[in-house]
């Protein structure tokens, strides 16, 4: 059986690793929310052997993520755990870093708030959360391609759409997370980082 494959994840993994290198080098445990195909999890675990990587996702994605991990030679990556941000769960380990890529624009805005709440409860004091994806600033898109992507998302499902940096900052602040850095990335994406 061939595993699900994300071309975007394959394209952006190296750039994300470069951008987050100093955070990854300073961390020892990482919780990834919305691991999707598991490609990021495997790549980052292999590239940063100091990390113990914990993938997570909704139940329907766990089998494929687990199979990708089992095919990897990395010994510092756990099998995925089920985490749906909008559902109470008993996963209560504390981590020194949290990461999520291309999730905020496919979640409802309530689920994005739930993600910040979950992250806050799972991070050690002083640990950071990095969110990768496209964002708007003051309601404005950073590129025409992002504006078109946003329109496509909203046509696909009313709850989806590119989120605004100010709205995300407000959600983070509500959960005890302070803005740390905004990193420009290729293809009109960003990494936003907040510290617990």
Foldseek 3Di string as FASTA:
>chain_A
DDADDDPVCVVCLVVVCVVCVVQLQVWAEEEEEACAQLPNVLVSCVVRVSYQYEYEYAPVRQVNNQVVVVPHPRPRYDRYDYDQLVDDDDPQAATQEYEYEPDQQLAAVVSLLSVLLVNLRRYDAFHKYKYKDAAAEPPHGPDPVLVVVQVVSCVVPVRGGHYHPVSSQVSNVVSVWHWDDWAATPPNMIITMTGD
